[in-house]
Protein backbone atom coordinates (compact mmCIF):
# COMPACT_ATOMS: atom_id res chain seq x y z
CA MET A 1 -11.75 41.86 1.64
CA ARG A 2 -8.31 41.76 3.18
CA LEU A 3 -8.51 37.98 4.06
CA ALA A 4 -9.53 37.11 0.44
CA SER A 5 -6.56 38.95 -0.97
CA VAL A 6 -4.19 37.16 1.59
CA LEU A 7 -5.59 33.83 0.61
CA ARG A 8 -5.25 34.61 -3.24
CA SER A 9 -1.74 35.51 -2.72
CA ARG A 10 -0.98 32.49 -0.67
CA ALA A 11 -2.70 30.20 -3.31
CA GLY A 12 -0.50 31.77 -6.11
CA SER A 13 2.80 31.60 -4.28
CA GLY A 14 3.15 27.78 -3.67
CA TYR A 15 1.39 27.91 -0.42
CA LYS A 16 -0.52 24.61 -1.22
CA ASN A 17 2.82 22.90 -1.44
CA MET A 18 3.68 23.19 2.12
CA PRO A 19 4.07 19.97 4.15
CA ALA A 20 1.89 18.96 7.00
CA THR A 21 2.56 21.15 10.20
CA GLU A 22 2.68 19.64 13.58
CA LEU A 23 -0.43 21.34 14.42
CA GLN A 24 -2.26 19.88 11.51
CA VAL A 25 -1.09 16.38 12.42
CA ILE A 26 -1.86 16.84 16.20
CA SER A 27 -5.33 18.21 15.26
CA LEU A 28 -6.13 15.32 13.13
CA VAL A 29 -4.95 12.83 15.67
CA ASN A 30 -7.27 14.53 18.20
CA MET A 31 -10.13 14.29 15.83
CA MET A 32 -9.48 10.50 15.08
CA MET A 33 -9.08 9.79 18.83
CA GLN A 34 -12.59 11.14 19.53
CA LEU A 35 -13.98 8.56 17.04
CA TYR A 36 -11.68 5.84 18.50
CA LYS A 37 -12.79 6.42 22.06
CA ARG A 38 -16.33 6.13 21.14
CA ARG A 39 -15.92 3.07 19.00
CA HIS A 40 -18.42 1.11 21.09
CA ASP A 41 -20.99 3.01 19.10
CA LYS A 42 -21.11 0.87 15.96
CA SER A 43 -21.57 3.57 13.58
CA LEU A 44 -18.61 5.64 14.98
CA LYS A 45 -16.54 2.50 14.83
CA LYS A 46 -17.49 2.24 11.23
CA GLN A 47 -16.62 5.87 10.71
CA TYR A 48 -13.27 5.55 12.53
CA ASP A 49 -12.42 2.43 10.30
CA LEU A 50 -13.35 4.23 7.20
CA GLN A 51 -11.30 7.26 7.95
CA ARG A 52 -8.31 5.10 9.10
CA ASP A 53 -8.36 3.01 5.84
CA ARG A 54 -8.52 6.38 3.86
CA TYR A 55 -5.43 7.61 5.71
CA GLU A 56 -3.67 4.32 5.16
CA ASN A 57 -4.40 4.50 1.54
CA MET A 58 -2.92 8.11 1.27
CA ALA A 59 0.13 6.96 3.17
CA SER A 60 0.91 4.43 0.39
CA GLY A 61 0.29 6.98 -2.45
CA GLY A 62 -3.48 6.68 -2.86
CA ASP A 63 -6.10 9.49 -3.09
CA GLY A 64 -8.19 8.48 -0.11
CA GLY A 65 -11.25 7.94 -2.27
CA LYS A 66 -13.98 10.43 -3.25
CA ALA A 67 -14.85 13.23 -0.85
CA GLY A 68 -18.30 12.81 0.85
CA LEU A 69 -18.91 9.32 -0.54
CA TYR A 70 -20.20 7.94 2.78
CA GLY A 71 -21.43 11.12 4.25
CA ARG A 72 -20.60 12.66 7.63
CA ARG A 73 -24.05 12.47 9.11
CA PRO A 74 -26.89 9.91 8.69
CA THR A 75 -28.91 12.70 6.95
CA ASP A 76 -26.05 13.34 4.35
CA ALA A 77 -26.76 11.86 0.76
CA LYS A 78 -25.20 8.50 0.52
CA ARG A 79 -23.57 9.14 -2.88
CA SER A 80 -21.25 12.22 -3.45
CA THR A 81 -21.27 14.49 -6.40
CA HIS A 82 -17.70 15.46 -5.68
CA GLU A 83 -15.19 14.72 -8.43
CA ALA A 84 -12.20 15.35 -6.27
CA SER A 85 -10.62 13.05 -3.76
CA ILE A 86 -10.12 13.37 -0.08
CA ARG A 87 -6.37 14.01 -0.70
CA GLU A 88 -7.23 16.73 -3.39
CA LEU A 89 -9.62 18.58 -1.21
CA HIS A 90 -8.14 18.39 2.30
CA HIS A 91 -4.58 17.30 2.17
CA SER A 92 -3.17 18.36 -1.32
CA ALA A 93 -0.01 19.51 0.27
CA TRP A 94 0.71 16.45 2.37
CA SER A 95 3.33 13.80 1.16
CA ASP A 96 3.02 10.06 1.67
CA GLU A 97 5.48 10.60 4.51
CA ASP A 98 3.19 13.26 6.22
CA PHE A 99 0.44 10.40 6.28
CA ILE A 100 2.87 7.94 7.73
CA ARG A 101 3.90 10.37 10.30
CA PHE A 102 0.13 11.07 11.14
CA LEU A 103 -0.54 7.26 11.48
CA GLY A 104 2.44 6.70 13.90
CA GLU A 105 1.31 9.69 15.89
CA LEU A 106 -2.11 8.07 16.00
CA ASP A 107 -0.95 4.65 16.85
CA LYS A 108 1.07 6.29 19.78
CA SER A 109 -2.09 7.88 20.98
CA ILE A 110 -4.05 4.76 20.79
CA SER A 111 -1.44 2.88 22.91
CA GLN A 112 -1.32 5.66 25.41
CA HIS A 113 -5.17 5.71 25.78
CA HIS A 114 -5.10 2.00 26.46
CA GLN A 115 -2.37 2.40 28.97
CA GLU A 116 -4.24 5.13 30.77
CA ILE A 117 -7.49 2.97 30.95
CA ASN A 118 -5.59 -0.17 31.62
CA GLU A 119 -7.16 -1.97 28.77
CA PRO A 120 -5.49 -4.08 26.03
CA ILE A 121 -5.68 -2.92 22.38
CA GLU A 122 -8.51 -4.65 20.57
CA GLU A 123 -7.59 -6.69 17.67
CA SER A 124 -9.46 -5.49 14.41
CA ASP A 125 -12.33 -7.48 13.42
CA THR A 126 -11.13 -10.10 11.12
CA SER A 127 -14.59 -11.51 10.15
CA ASP A 128 -14.81 -13.04 6.79
CA LYS A 129 -18.15 -11.35 6.12
CA PRO A 130 -17.80 -9.09 3.19
CA ASP A 131 -18.74 -5.42 3.50
CA VAL A 132 -21.62 -5.42 0.83
CA GLU A 133 -22.21 -1.53 1.34
CA ALA A 134 -18.55 -0.99 0.64
CA ILE A 135 -18.55 -3.20 -2.38
CA ALA A 136 -21.70 -1.46 -3.76
CA ASP A 137 -20.16 1.86 -3.17
CA THR A 138 -16.84 0.83 -4.96
CA VAL A 139 -18.95 -0.48 -8.04
CA TYR A 140 -20.93 2.86 -8.11
CA ASP A 141 -17.62 4.78 -8.21
CA LEU A 142 -16.27 2.57 -10.99
CA MET A 143 -19.38 2.75 -13.09
CA SER A 144 -20.78 6.23 -12.41
CA SER A 145 -18.96 7.69 -15.30
CA LEU A 146 -20.00 5.17 -17.77
CA GLU A 147 -22.92 5.42 -20.32
CA HIS A 148 -26.29 3.83 -19.70
CA ASN A 149 -25.96 1.00 -22.06
CA ASP A 150 -22.29 0.18 -20.77
CA ILE A 151 -23.62 -0.08 -17.26
CA VAL A 152 -26.67 -2.30 -18.24
CA TYR A 153 -24.24 -4.49 -20.28
CA ILE A 154 -21.74 -4.82 -17.24
CA LEU A 155 -24.52 -5.43 -14.78
CA ASN A 156 -26.30 -8.15 -17.00
CA ASP A 157 -22.97 -9.75 -17.66
CA ILE A 158 -22.23 -10.01 -13.82
CA ALA A 159 -25.70 -11.33 -13.18
CA ASP A 160 -25.20 -13.92 -15.66
CA GLN A 161 -21.83 -15.00 -14.46
CA LEU A 162 -23.16 -15.14 -10.81
CA GLY A 163 -26.11 -17.10 -12.07
CA VAL A 164 -28.72 -14.51 -10.74
CA GLY A 165 -29.78 -13.12 -14.18
CA GLU A 166 -33.21 -13.36 -15.61
CA PRO A 167 -33.68 -16.50 -17.75
CA ASP A 168 -33.54 -16.09 -21.50
CA SER A 169 -36.94 -16.08 -23.01
CA ASP A 170 -36.40 -17.80 -26.40
């Protein structure tokens, strides 16, 4: 019971408005480096890239997307029922500058890692192939709060514009 009362008192005293601590930044860098070092595994590379994109989004004032949208494990549900964003759930006290500092520390760790293993830093994949899964997830996020008829109207309109709709039966 004592821990619960401490947490309640911290929550009511502006505890959530504290900036990122050095320990939080370093812990997050270490977690991201574990993914980065195992990027030869395609799914882990995708997870690293996703997380990196989320933190870059938050460094420029974004919310990092919905929590759990992509799941943490292959057995997780594809779509999240969370309404809150990554920033709201996990980094509500962090400022944009905290994320910028984190990304700077992550970049330093990546450079140091490559120096230690005497390997050049890989350029990111600049493939022109669209990420269909990410597009579908974004469309889902945008449309999930709409009513059924609005969703049907939008999807039919898009299908017509792309020329993939069912032909009219006049």
